[in-house]
């Protein structure tokens, strides 16, 4: 397999890309560590065990691109899956089962403990059984919390919605718009356009929206995420059908890395200049958000180059890890929140507390995956596909 990416004729979905499998695994593992760190880093979160200053900087390094990358990988996987299934109705059924069933199950069973802890931290006075019976599924906002909540699993509904919107656009968009969309990936592959054109878009989007709209993870009131993550998903979809983008990624990863490091330096400087709850000037905020947009795209290119080179090989651990990472994503934040809630009265030093949270989360995710593998017909609720013996050979990256 070509180390600059999978080889296939232009416009045809490639064979399985092991590098994107590994990148997906690592992206979600980083997300789990990031969420564990939120219990210790400065700033509000569901539950806090301490506020330690230094984790803010590695988390700042991850913050701008940690979610963009899974959307790119999901877009790539969606195109390869659509080609494998062969028809749109089958693809819609697969995406709905794979994304919405785990989301609904989690909102009914796995997320309510997080919501209860969040309310308890806001001085909610009732126990968990009362919460489930009276408030957990009341479809109203209480103590600033909307119930039932989807917490970190907003990603699944966004991904499903982006997929359905793409299918609708492919079917009903004007021919001129479809022709422009089909030609854009090849245009981006020329020269340095793949670096600078999307980078300019993401920087402008971050600056333009920060002064008008916030990030709410509510889809229809979350224009920042829509303007950022939908293009990432569409780029992943285009990447699966445009092999010419891989040489462009290989050609541009070094300047992309330089841009990413410079952007992080700007973001860190703003963080140092305006610590804690202090409010930066409009100019400083605009520079910070432009750097976030630049880092989002430049680090995405660097990570895709890593997937196309060092990671693009199979290993006996790839398949089980690729299967386990989605159930782990579904359950990990509930485990983190509950373990932190139980540890809070002990007032442990941050180091041991963080180690306990990470080890307990890893063990809980492993157990959830093992239970899911044995769940038979309930596997789709826990984020797992059909039994391996009944599964057709998959093409492309394992999809979320």
Protein backbone atom coordinates (compact mmCIF):
# COMPACT_ATOMS: atom_id res chain seq x y z
CA UNK A 1 0.00 0.00 0.00
CA UNK A 2 1.30 3.45 -0.86
CA UNK A 3 2.65 5.22 2.20
CA UNK A 4 1.19 8.52 1.01
CA UNK A 5 -2.24 6.99 1.18
CA UNK A 6 -4.23 4.17 -0.36
CA UNK A 7 -3.96 3.74 -4.08
CA UNK A 8 -7.06 3.63 -6.22
CA UNK A 9 -8.31 5.40 -9.27
CA UNK A 10 -9.49 8.97 -8.75
CA UNK A 11 -13.07 9.12 -7.49
CA UNK A 12 -13.15 5.50 -6.31
CA UNK A 13 -13.21 4.69 -2.60
CA UNK A 14 -9.93 3.11 -1.46
CA UNK A 15 -9.41 -0.16 0.33
CA UNK A 16 -9.10 -0.25 4.10
CA UNK A 17 -6.78 2.42 5.44
CA UNK A 18 -5.13 0.99 8.53
CA UNK A 19 -3.62 4.36 9.35
CA UNK A 20 -7.06 5.93 9.77
CA UNK A 21 -8.12 3.01 11.95
CA UNK A 22 -5.16 3.74 14.23
CA UNK A 23 -5.78 7.48 14.07
CA UNK A 24 -9.38 6.96 15.14
CA UNK A 25 -8.26 4.78 18.05
CA UNK A 26 -5.71 7.34 19.21
CA UNK A 27 -8.11 10.27 18.72
CA UNK A 28 -10.68 8.76 21.06
CA UNK A 29 -8.05 7.71 23.60
CA UNK A 30 -6.82 11.32 23.66
CA UNK A 31 -10.42 12.46 24.10
CA UNK A 32 -10.82 10.18 27.12
CA UNK A 33 -7.61 11.53 28.69
CA UNK A 34 -8.77 15.06 27.90
CA UNK A 35 -12.06 14.53 29.72
CA UNK A 36 -10.24 13.01 32.70
CA UNK A 37 -7.99 16.07 32.77
CA UNK A 38 -10.99 18.40 32.89
CA UNK A 39 -11.61 17.29 36.47
CA UNK A 40 -8.21 18.78 37.41
CA UNK A 41 -7.50 21.63 34.97
CA UNK A 42 -8.63 25.21 35.62
CA UNK A 43 -12.14 26.06 34.51
CA UNK A 44 -15.63 24.69 35.11
CA UNK A 45 -16.63 21.08 34.38
CA UNK A 46 -19.17 18.53 35.61
CA UNK A 47 -17.10 17.64 38.70
CA UNK A 48 -13.84 19.09 39.97
CA UNK A 49 -11.23 17.34 42.12
CA UNK A 50 -8.57 20.05 41.96
CA UNK A 51 -7.38 22.99 39.90
CA UNK A 52 -3.80 22.46 38.73
CA UNK A 53 -2.37 25.05 36.37
CA UNK A 54 0.09 23.08 34.20
CA UNK A 55 -2.43 20.64 32.59
CA UNK A 56 -4.07 23.65 30.98
CA UNK A 57 -1.27 23.84 28.39
CA UNK A 58 -1.23 20.26 27.01
CA UNK A 59 -5.04 20.43 27.01
CA UNK A 60 -4.85 23.74 25.17
CA UNK A 61 -2.67 22.03 22.57
CA UNK A 62 -5.38 19.39 22.01
CA UNK A 63 -8.45 21.55 22.37
CA UNK A 64 -8.71 23.05 18.88
CA UNK A 65 -8.32 19.83 16.82
CA UNK A 66 -9.29 16.95 19.13
CA UNK A 67 -12.85 16.83 17.74
CA UNK A 68 -12.15 17.93 14.18
CA UNK A 69 -10.11 14.79 13.57
CA UNK A 70 -12.89 12.29 14.44
CA UNK A 71 -15.24 14.14 12.08
CA UNK A 72 -12.70 13.88 9.24
CA UNK A 73 -12.24 10.16 9.90
CA UNK A 74 -16.01 9.64 10.10
CA UNK A 75 -16.48 11.38 6.76
CA UNK A 76 -13.88 9.11 5.17
CA UNK A 77 -15.50 6.04 6.69
CA UNK A 78 -18.97 7.13 5.56
CA UNK A 79 -17.91 7.23 1.91
CA UNK A 80 -16.24 3.82 2.04
CA UNK A 81 -19.25 2.36 3.86
CA UNK A 82 -21.68 3.78 1.31
CA UNK A 83 -19.63 2.19 -1.47
CA UNK A 84 -19.53 -1.14 0.35
CA UNK A 85 -23.27 -1.27 1.08
CA UNK A 86 -24.10 -0.19 -2.45
CA UNK A 87 -27.37 1.68 -1.89
CA UNK A 88 -28.54 4.67 0.09
CA UNK A 89 -31.41 3.00 2.06
CA UNK A 90 -29.04 0.36 3.46
CA UNK A 91 -26.54 3.07 4.35
CA UNK A 92 -29.21 5.14 6.14
CA UNK A 93 -30.31 2.10 8.13
CA UNK A 94 -26.74 1.27 9.09
CA UNK A 95 -25.91 4.84 10.13
CA UNK A 96 -29.13 5.19 12.12
CA UNK A 97 -28.57 1.92 13.97
CA UNK A 98 -24.89 2.58 14.55
CA UNK A 99 -25.27 6.18 15.79
CA UNK A 100 -28.77 6.81 17.14
CA UNK A 101 -29.42 3.54 18.98
CA UNK A 102 -26.36 3.93 21.24
CA UNK A 103 -27.21 7.60 21.72
CA UNK A 104 -30.78 6.85 22.86
CA UNK A 105 -29.62 4.01 25.09
CA UNK A 106 -26.95 6.21 26.68
CA UNK A 107 -29.39 9.08 27.22
CA UNK A 108 -31.74 6.67 28.99
CA UNK A 109 -29.22 4.65 31.02
CA UNK A 110 -25.64 5.96 30.98
CA UNK A 111 -25.97 9.75 30.94
CA UNK A 112 -28.47 10.28 33.82
CA UNK A 113 -25.81 9.60 36.51
CA UNK A 114 -23.69 12.39 35.01
CA UNK A 115 -26.66 14.74 34.99
CA UNK A 116 -27.47 13.91 38.62
CA UNK A 117 -23.87 14.65 39.69
CA UNK A 118 -23.97 17.91 37.73
CA UNK A 119 -27.16 18.88 39.57
CA UNK A 120 -25.76 17.82 42.93
CA UNK A 121 -22.82 20.13 42.32
CA UNK A 122 -25.42 22.88 41.77
CA UNK A 123 -26.97 22.05 45.20
CA UNK A 124 -29.73 19.75 43.98
CA UNK A 125 -31.06 18.15 47.16
CA UNK A 126 -32.54 14.83 46.01
CA UNK A 127 -31.08 11.35 45.67
CA UNK A 128 -30.67 9.49 42.39
CA UNK A 129 -33.92 7.53 42.60
CA UNK A 130 -35.92 10.73 43.11
CA UNK A 131 -34.04 12.32 40.22
CA UNK A 132 -34.94 9.46 37.87
CA UNK A 133 -38.58 9.45 38.94
CA UNK A 134 -39.22 13.19 38.83
CA UNK A 135 -36.61 15.19 36.96
CA UNK A 136 -34.30 13.05 34.80
CA UNK A 137 -36.74 12.68 31.90
CA UNK A 138 -38.85 15.77 32.44
CA UNK A 139 -37.82 17.48 29.18
CA UNK A 140 -37.18 20.79 30.88
CA UNK A 141 -34.24 22.89 32.03
CA UNK A 142 -33.38 22.69 35.71
CA UNK A 143 -30.42 24.35 37.46
CA UNK A 144 -29.13 25.26 34.01
CA UNK A 145 -29.20 21.62 32.83
CA UNK A 146 -31.47 20.39 30.03
CA UNK A 147 -32.95 16.94 30.70
CA UNK A 148 -32.63 14.36 29.34
CA UNK A 149 -29.09 15.33 28.36
CA UNK A 150 -26.68 13.89 25.82
CA UNK A 151 -23.51 15.36 27.37
CA UNK A 152 -20.42 14.29 25.36
CA UNK A 153 -22.52 12.17 22.97
CA UNK A 154 -23.64 15.22 21.02
CA UNK A 155 -21.00 14.04 18.53
CA UNK A 156 -23.18 11.08 17.52
CA UNK A 157 -26.25 13.16 16.69
CA UNK A 158 -24.17 15.73 14.83
CA UNK A 159 -22.53 12.98 12.80
CA UNK A 160 -25.88 11.40 11.93
CA UNK A 161 -27.33 14.78 10.95
CA UNK A 162 -24.31 15.71 8.82
CA UNK A 163 -24.57 12.34 7.05
CA UNK A 164 -28.27 12.76 6.29
CA UNK A 165 -27.69 16.35 5.12
CA UNK A 166 -24.93 15.18 2.76
CA UNK A 167 -27.20 12.52 1.27
CA UNK A 168 -29.98 15.07 0.80
CA UNK A 169 -27.60 17.55 -0.84
CA UNK A 170 -26.25 14.85 -3.16
CA UNK A 171 -29.79 14.06 -4.26
CA UNK A 172 -31.41 17.49 -4.43
CA UNK A 173 -28.73 20.19 -4.70
CA UNK A 174 -28.66 22.17 -7.99
CA UNK A 175 -26.39 20.60 -10.62
CA UNK A 176 -24.05 23.60 -10.56
CA UNK A 177 -23.48 23.26 -6.82
CA UNK A 178 -22.87 19.53 -7.12
CA UNK A 179 -20.36 20.12 -9.92
CA UNK A 180 -18.55 22.71 -7.81
CA UNK A 181 -18.41 20.32 -4.84
CA UNK A 182 -17.07 17.52 -7.03
CA UNK A 183 -14.32 19.76 -8.45
CA UNK A 184 -13.22 21.33 -5.17
CA UNK A 185 -11.08 18.40 -3.83
CA UNK A 186 -8.97 18.31 -7.00
CA UNK A 187 -8.59 22.10 -6.82
CA UNK A 188 -7.40 21.83 -3.21
CA UNK A 189 -4.83 19.17 -4.15
CA UNK A 190 -2.84 21.63 -6.29
CA UNK A 191 0.09 23.60 -4.88
CA UNK A 192 -0.34 24.70 -1.27
CA UNK A 193 -4.10 25.25 -1.48
CA UNK A 194 -4.88 22.34 0.83
CA UNK A 195 -3.09 24.15 3.65
CA UNK A 196 -3.97 27.79 3.14
CA UNK A 197 -7.51 27.76 1.75
CA UNK A 198 -9.14 25.69 4.56
CA UNK A 199 -6.89 27.37 7.13
CA UNK A 200 -8.17 30.80 6.08
CA UNK A 201 -11.75 29.53 6.30
CA UNK A 202 -11.40 28.04 9.79
CA UNK A 203 -9.55 31.08 11.15
CA UNK A 204 -12.21 33.43 9.76
CA UNK A 205 -15.03 31.22 11.03
CA UNK A 206 -13.61 31.13 14.56
CA UNK A 207 -13.09 34.89 14.64
CA UNK A 208 -16.40 35.76 12.99
CA UNK A 209 -18.55 33.59 15.23
CA UNK A 210 -16.86 34.15 18.60
CA UNK A 211 -18.25 37.69 18.86
CA UNK A 212 -21.80 36.68 17.93
CA UNK A 213 -22.60 33.07 18.83
CA UNK A 214 -21.30 30.54 21.33
CA UNK A 215 -20.68 26.79 21.34
CA UNK A 216 -23.70 25.06 22.86
CA UNK A 217 -23.69 21.53 21.34
CA UNK A 218 -27.37 21.85 20.58
CA UNK A 219 -27.00 21.54 16.76
CA UNK A 220 -29.61 24.13 15.86
CA UNK A 221 -28.22 26.76 18.24
CA UNK A 222 -24.56 25.79 17.87
CA UNK A 223 -23.42 27.57 14.74
CA UNK A 224 -19.77 27.49 15.78
CA UNK A 225 -19.63 23.69 15.77
CA UNK A 226 -21.74 23.48 12.63
CA UNK A 227 -19.43 25.83 10.72
CA UNK A 228 -16.32 24.01 11.95
CA UNK A 229 -17.19 20.31 12.08
CA UNK A 230 -19.40 19.99 9.01
CA UNK A 231 -16.52 21.04 6.70
CA UNK A 232 -14.26 18.55 8.50
CA UNK A 233 -16.77 15.77 7.84
CA UNK A 234 -17.11 16.81 4.20
CA UNK A 235 -13.34 16.88 3.76
CA UNK A 236 -13.07 13.33 5.10
CA UNK A 237 -15.77 12.26 2.64
CA UNK A 238 -13.86 13.93 -0.20
CA UNK A 239 -10.55 12.42 0.92
CA UNK A 240 -11.95 8.90 0.52
CA UNK A 241 -12.71 9.56 -3.14
CA UNK A 242 -9.78 11.77 -4.12
CA UNK A 243 -6.45 9.95 -3.77
CA UNK A 244 -4.71 13.04 -5.16
CA UNK A 245 -5.23 14.71 -1.78
CA UNK A 246 -2.81 12.29 -0.08
CA UNK A 247 0.29 13.50 -1.99
CA UNK A 248 -0.76 17.07 -1.13
CA UNK A 249 -0.94 16.12 2.56
CA UNK A 250 2.52 14.52 2.31
CA UNK A 251 3.85 17.63 0.60
CA UNK A 252 2.41 20.10 3.09
CA UNK A 253 2.75 18.43 6.47
CA UNK A 254 5.97 20.24 7.39
CA UNK A 255 4.64 23.78 6.82
CA UNK A 256 1.41 22.62 8.50
CA UNK A 257 3.39 21.55 11.58
CA UNK A 258 5.16 24.92 11.63
CA UNK A 259 1.80 26.70 11.49
CA UNK A 260 0.44 24.49 14.27
CA UNK A 261 3.37 25.21 16.60
CA UNK A 262 3.20 28.94 15.90
CA UNK A 263 -0.56 28.91 16.52
CA UNK A 264 -0.09 27.09 19.81
CA UNK A 265 2.51 29.66 20.87
CA UNK A 266 -0.03 32.43 20.23
CA UNK A 267 -2.75 30.58 22.16
CA UNK A 268 -0.39 29.91 25.09
CA UNK A 269 0.67 33.55 25.14
CA UNK A 270 -2.96 34.68 25.38
CA UNK A 271 -3.56 32.11 28.14
CA UNK A 272 -0.58 33.44 30.10
CA UNK A 273 -1.55 37.07 29.57
CA UNK A 274 -5.16 36.51 30.63
CA UNK A 275 -5.18 33.76 33.29
CA UNK A 276 -8.19 32.39 35.10
CA UNK A 277 -11.40 34.38 34.80
CA UNK A 278 -9.77 37.52 33.36
CA UNK A 279 -11.29 38.76 30.12
CA UNK A 280 -9.01 39.35 27.11
CA UNK A 281 -9.45 42.38 24.91
CA UNK A 282 -11.38 41.99 21.67
CA UNK A 283 -8.13 42.08 19.72
CA UNK A 284 -6.53 39.41 21.90
CA UNK A 285 -9.64 37.26 21.63
CA UNK A 286 -9.71 37.60 17.85
CA UNK A 287 -6.03 36.66 17.58
CA UNK A 288 -6.57 33.70 19.90
CA UNK A 289 -9.55 32.40 17.92
CA UNK A 290 -7.74 32.85 14.60
CA UNK A 291 -4.85 30.81 16.02
CA UNK A 292 -7.32 28.12 17.15
CA UNK A 293 -8.76 27.90 13.64
CA UNK A 294 -5.30 27.74 12.10
CA UNK A 295 -4.19 25.05 14.52
CA UNK A 296 -7.34 23.02 13.94
CA UNK A 297 -6.60 22.60 10.26
CA UNK A 298 -2.80 22.44 10.34
CA UNK A 299 -2.76 19.72 13.03
CA UNK A 300 -5.40 17.79 11.10
CA UNK A 301 -3.08 17.68 8.10
CA UNK A 302 -0.15 16.61 10.30
CA UNK A 303 -2.17 13.80 11.85
CA UNK A 304 -3.44 12.63 8.47
CA UNK A 305 0.14 12.47 7.23
CA UNK A 306 0.99 10.38 10.29
CA UNK A 307 -1.91 8.08 9.40
CA UNK A 308 -0.67 7.76 5.81
CA UNK A 309 2.89 6.89 6.80
CA UNK A 310 3.90 5.55 10.23
CA UNK A 311 0.46 4.24 11.21
CA UNK A 312 -0.57 2.72 7.89
CA UNK A 313 0.04 -0.94 8.75
CA UNK A 314 -1.93 -3.71 10.37
CA UNK A 315 -1.31 -5.28 13.79
CA UNK A 316 -3.10 -7.95 15.80
CA UNK A 317 -4.30 -5.28 18.28
CA UNK A 318 -5.85 -3.06 15.64
CA UNK A 319 -9.09 -4.96 15.17
CA UNK A 320 -10.01 -5.39 18.88
CA UNK A 321 -9.02 -1.81 19.69
CA UNK A 322 -11.02 -0.49 16.73
CA UNK A 323 -14.02 -2.40 18.04
CA UNK A 324 -13.54 -1.39 21.68
CA UNK A 325 -12.97 2.33 21.17
CA UNK A 326 -16.59 3.23 20.33
CA UNK A 327 -18.15 1.56 23.43
CA UNK A 328 -15.35 3.15 25.46
CA UNK A 329 -16.25 6.55 24.05
CA UNK A 330 -19.91 6.04 24.96
CA UNK A 331 -19.31 5.10 28.60
CA UNK A 332 -16.04 6.80 29.56
CA UNK A 333 -17.34 10.17 30.72
CA UNK A 334 -19.93 8.63 33.03
CA UNK A 335 -17.17 6.55 34.63
CA UNK A 336 -14.92 9.60 35.01
CA UNK A 337 -17.69 11.67 36.60
CA UNK A 338 -18.78 8.95 39.04
CA UNK A 339 -15.23 8.03 40.09
CA UNK A 340 -14.42 11.71 40.62
CA UNK A 341 -17.65 12.13 42.61
CA UNK A 342 -16.71 9.24 44.90
CA UNK A 343 -13.12 10.53 45.27
CA UNK A 344 -14.14 14.11 46.05
CA UNK A 345 -14.66 13.65 49.83
CA UNK A 346 -11.21 12.01 50.16
CA UNK A 347 -9.38 15.18 49.07
CA UNK A 348 -6.51 13.20 47.55
CA UNK A 349 -3.52 14.98 45.99
CA UNK A 350 -4.07 15.62 42.26
CA UNK A 351 -1.47 13.09 41.05
CA UNK A 352 -2.89 10.00 42.81
CA UNK A 353 -6.46 11.14 42.15
CA UNK A 354 -5.77 11.50 38.42
CA UNK A 355 -4.11 8.06 38.33
CA UNK A 356 -7.14 6.48 40.03
CA UNK A 357 -9.54 8.20 37.63
CA UNK A 358 -7.58 7.07 34.55
CA UNK A 359 -7.09 3.46 35.74
CA UNK A 360 -10.73 3.13 36.85
CA UNK A 361 -11.93 4.58 33.54
CA UNK A 362 -9.73 2.22 31.51
CA UNK A 363 -10.97 -0.77 33.55
CA UNK A 364 -14.60 0.35 33.26
CA UNK A 365 -14.32 0.86 29.51
CA UNK A 366 -12.73 -2.57 29.08
CA UNK A 367 -15.51 -4.19 31.14
CA UNK A 368 -18.22 -2.36 29.19
CA UNK A 369 -16.69 -3.56 25.91
CA UNK A 370 -16.44 -7.15 27.15
CA UNK A 371 -20.05 -7.09 28.34
CA UNK A 372 -21.09 -5.60 25.02
CA UNK A 373 -19.36 -8.38 23.10
CA UNK A 374 -21.45 -10.93 25.02
CA UNK A 375 -24.70 -8.98 24.75
CA UNK A 376 -26.02 -10.72 21.64
CA UNK A 377 -28.92 -8.77 20.18
CA UNK A 378 -28.19 -5.85 22.54
CA UNK A 379 -24.79 -5.19 20.96
CA UNK A 380 -26.05 -2.25 18.83
CA UNK A 381 -27.21 -0.45 22.00
CA UNK A 382 -23.68 -0.61 23.39
CA UNK A 383 -21.97 0.69 20.28
CA UNK A 384 -21.03 -2.64 18.72
CA UNK A 385 -21.92 -3.97 15.29
CA UNK A 386 -23.14 -7.47 14.47
CA UNK A 387 -21.25 -10.53 15.66
CA UNK A 388 -17.97 -10.93 13.74
CA UNK A 389 -19.12 -14.19 12.15
CA UNK A 390 -22.13 -12.41 10.67
CA UNK A 391 -20.27 -9.32 9.55
CA UNK A 392 -19.38 -8.76 5.93
CA UNK A 393 -15.80 -7.79 5.16
CA UNK A 394 -15.51 -4.09 5.86
CA UNK A 395 -13.88 -1.58 3.54
CA UNK A 396 -12.19 1.60 4.77
CA UNK A 397 -11.72 2.81 8.30
CA UNK A 398 -13.97 1.42 11.05
CA UNK A 399 -16.64 4.07 11.39
CA UNK A 400 -18.14 5.69 14.41
